[in-house]
């Protein structure tokens, strides 16, 4: 069962990074049209003008939000892999997961320098890293809260004895 978790966690990281890589391999026109279609749908949904500066701003927010979300998910998967392979769930595991995710974000931006009409931007690595940091921080607080409630229950049971 241990090997299944290890292989499964590594496969999940590879599969998700392949999805990210696929989005990054789209040329600028295809990538822009995807976020443009989402922005237009949102503008129509809320009754806004699907053209002009507001749409451009919304497209930008959608693109950057997608970056953050992609790398937030990747960071959680990398953390799961670190935990599956090492059994460590402390601050060190979170730091390792964050560092690996930042490296993968940098690699993704480097890859984009070879895609027509795309550019690898350090600012995008920072945005990706923020998504990873937010996801890992939320996981840290969730696990910390879960552990403290387990410890309180154990302490309560020990006092009842």
Protein backbone atom coordinates (compact mmCIF):
# COMPACT_ATOMS: atom_id res chain seq x y z
CA UNK A 1 0.00 0.00 0.00
CA UNK A 2 2.91 2.34 0.75
CA UNK A 3 4.28 1.96 -2.77
CA UNK A 4 0.84 2.61 -4.24
CA UNK A 5 0.66 5.95 -2.39
CA UNK A 6 4.16 6.86 -3.49
CA UNK A 7 3.64 6.02 -7.14
CA UNK A 8 0.16 7.57 -7.12
CA UNK A 9 1.40 10.83 -5.61
CA UNK A 10 4.28 11.08 -8.08
CA UNK A 11 1.95 10.28 -10.98
CA UNK A 12 -0.48 12.97 -9.81
CA UNK A 13 2.31 15.58 -9.80
CA UNK A 14 3.49 14.52 -13.26
CA UNK A 15 -0.05 14.44 -14.66
CA UNK A 16 -0.96 17.88 -13.28
CA UNK A 17 2.31 19.43 -14.42
CA UNK A 18 1.61 17.96 -17.86
CA UNK A 19 -1.71 19.83 -17.87
CA UNK A 20 0.10 23.05 -16.94
CA UNK A 21 2.72 22.35 -19.61
CA UNK A 22 -0.05 21.85 -22.17
CA UNK A 23 -1.60 25.22 -21.35
CA UNK A 24 1.85 26.84 -21.54
CA UNK A 25 2.49 25.28 -24.94
CA UNK A 26 -0.49 27.13 -26.45
CA UNK A 27 0.60 30.05 -28.58
CA UNK A 28 -0.32 33.55 -27.47
CA UNK A 29 -3.38 33.76 -29.71
CA UNK A 30 -4.93 30.50 -28.48
CA UNK A 31 -4.14 31.28 -24.85
CA UNK A 32 -5.58 34.78 -25.18
CA UNK A 33 -8.73 33.54 -26.88
CA UNK A 34 -9.39 31.09 -24.04
CA UNK A 35 -9.21 33.76 -21.34
CA UNK A 36 -11.10 36.12 -23.66
CA UNK A 37 -13.97 33.65 -24.01
CA UNK A 38 -14.17 33.24 -20.23
CA UNK A 39 -14.09 37.01 -19.73
CA UNK A 40 -16.82 37.53 -22.33
CA UNK A 41 -19.04 34.91 -20.66
CA UNK A 42 -18.54 36.56 -17.26
CA UNK A 43 -19.29 40.02 -18.67
CA UNK A 44 -22.49 38.75 -20.33
CA UNK A 45 -23.53 36.95 -17.16
CA UNK A 46 -23.31 40.13 -15.13
CA UNK A 47 -24.70 42.37 -17.87
CA UNK A 48 -21.48 44.21 -18.63
CA UNK A 49 -20.18 45.34 -22.00
CA UNK A 50 -18.16 42.40 -23.36
CA UNK A 51 -15.70 44.77 -25.02
CA UNK A 52 -13.41 47.57 -24.04
CA UNK A 53 -11.02 48.15 -21.17
CA UNK A 54 -13.11 46.30 -18.57
CA UNK A 55 -12.88 43.10 -20.61
CA UNK A 56 -9.12 43.50 -20.97
CA UNK A 57 -8.77 43.93 -17.20
CA UNK A 58 -11.02 40.95 -16.53
CA UNK A 59 -9.01 38.79 -18.97
CA UNK A 60 -5.84 39.74 -17.12
CA UNK A 61 -7.39 38.82 -13.76
CA UNK A 62 -8.65 35.52 -15.17
CA UNK A 63 -5.23 34.63 -16.61
CA UNK A 64 -3.38 35.45 -13.39
CA UNK A 65 -6.03 33.73 -11.27
CA UNK A 66 -5.66 30.63 -13.43
CA UNK A 67 -1.89 30.72 -12.89
CA UNK A 68 -2.35 30.94 -9.13
CA UNK A 69 -4.91 28.14 -9.10
CA UNK A 70 -2.83 25.81 -11.29
CA UNK A 71 0.17 26.18 -9.03
CA UNK A 72 -1.87 26.04 -5.81
CA UNK A 73 -3.09 22.61 -6.91
CA UNK A 74 0.43 21.62 -7.94
CA UNK A 75 1.83 22.66 -4.55
CA UNK A 76 -0.72 20.50 -2.73
CA UNK A 77 0.10 17.55 -4.97
CA UNK A 78 3.83 18.07 -4.44
CA UNK A 79 3.26 18.22 -0.68
CA UNK A 80 1.31 14.95 -0.88
CA UNK A 81 4.21 13.39 -2.79
CA UNK A 82 6.76 14.65 -0.26
CA UNK A 83 4.64 13.21 2.54
CA UNK A 84 4.09 9.90 0.72
CA UNK A 85 7.80 9.43 0.04
CA UNK A 86 9.20 10.70 3.35
CA UNK A 87 6.38 10.38 5.88
CA UNK A 88 7.27 13.89 7.05
CA UNK A 89 4.44 16.38 7.56
CA UNK A 90 6.25 19.13 9.43
CA UNK A 91 7.44 22.58 8.36
CA UNK A 92 10.35 21.03 6.46
CA UNK A 93 7.91 19.15 4.18
CA UNK A 94 6.03 22.39 3.48
CA UNK A 95 9.27 24.21 2.64
CA UNK A 96 10.37 21.39 0.33
CA UNK A 97 6.97 21.37 -1.41
CA UNK A 98 7.08 25.14 -1.84
CA UNK A 99 10.64 25.13 -3.18
CA UNK A 100 9.89 22.36 -5.68
CA UNK A 101 6.75 24.16 -6.86
CA UNK A 102 8.69 27.41 -7.36
CA UNK A 103 11.27 25.47 -9.40
CA UNK A 104 8.49 23.99 -11.55
CA UNK A 105 6.94 27.47 -11.98
CA UNK A 106 10.33 28.77 -13.14
CA UNK A 107 10.66 25.86 -15.57
CA UNK A 108 7.17 26.60 -16.90
CA UNK A 109 8.03 30.24 -17.55
CA UNK A 110 11.32 29.21 -19.21
CA UNK A 111 9.33 26.86 -21.45
CA UNK A 112 7.06 29.75 -22.47
CA UNK A 113 10.04 31.66 -23.89
CA UNK A 114 10.09 29.07 -26.70
CA UNK A 115 6.36 29.34 -27.47
CA UNK A 116 5.28 31.81 -30.20
CA UNK A 117 3.74 35.02 -28.86
CA UNK A 118 4.42 33.98 -25.25
CA UNK A 119 7.02 35.26 -22.82
CA UNK A 120 8.53 33.88 -19.66
CA UNK A 121 8.10 36.52 -17.00
CA UNK A 122 9.61 36.58 -13.51
CA UNK A 123 6.39 38.27 -12.35
CA UNK A 124 4.46 35.18 -13.41
CA UNK A 125 6.78 32.99 -11.33
CA UNK A 126 5.96 35.26 -8.40
CA UNK A 127 2.21 34.93 -9.08
CA UNK A 128 2.53 31.13 -9.36
CA UNK A 129 4.53 31.09 -6.13
CA UNK A 130 1.85 33.14 -4.36
CA UNK A 131 -0.75 30.55 -5.37
CA UNK A 132 1.47 27.78 -4.01
CA UNK A 133 2.15 29.67 -0.79
CA UNK A 134 -1.54 30.37 -0.16
CA UNK A 135 -2.50 26.72 -0.72
CA UNK A 136 0.29 25.40 1.49
CA UNK A 137 -0.47 27.95 4.22
CA UNK A 138 -4.13 26.91 4.23
CA UNK A 139 -3.11 23.25 4.41
CA UNK A 140 -0.71 24.05 7.27
CA UNK A 141 -3.49 25.69 9.30
CA UNK A 142 -5.95 22.89 8.52
CA UNK A 143 -3.50 20.18 9.55
CA UNK A 144 -2.40 22.16 12.59
CA UNK A 145 -6.00 22.62 13.71
CA UNK A 146 -6.74 18.94 13.11
CA UNK A 147 -3.69 17.90 15.13
CA UNK A 148 -4.55 20.24 17.99
CA UNK A 149 -8.12 18.89 18.20
CA UNK A 150 -6.76 15.32 18.22
CA UNK A 151 -4.33 16.28 20.98
CA UNK A 152 -7.16 17.88 22.99
CA UNK A 153 -9.23 14.70 22.68
CA UNK A 154 -6.27 12.57 23.76
CA UNK A 155 -5.63 14.85 26.73
CA UNK A 156 -9.30 14.71 27.68
CA UNK A 157 -9.30 10.91 27.53
CA UNK A 158 -6.12 10.77 29.63
CA UNK A 159 -7.74 12.99 32.27
CA UNK A 160 -10.82 10.75 32.36
CA UNK A 161 -8.70 7.74 33.32
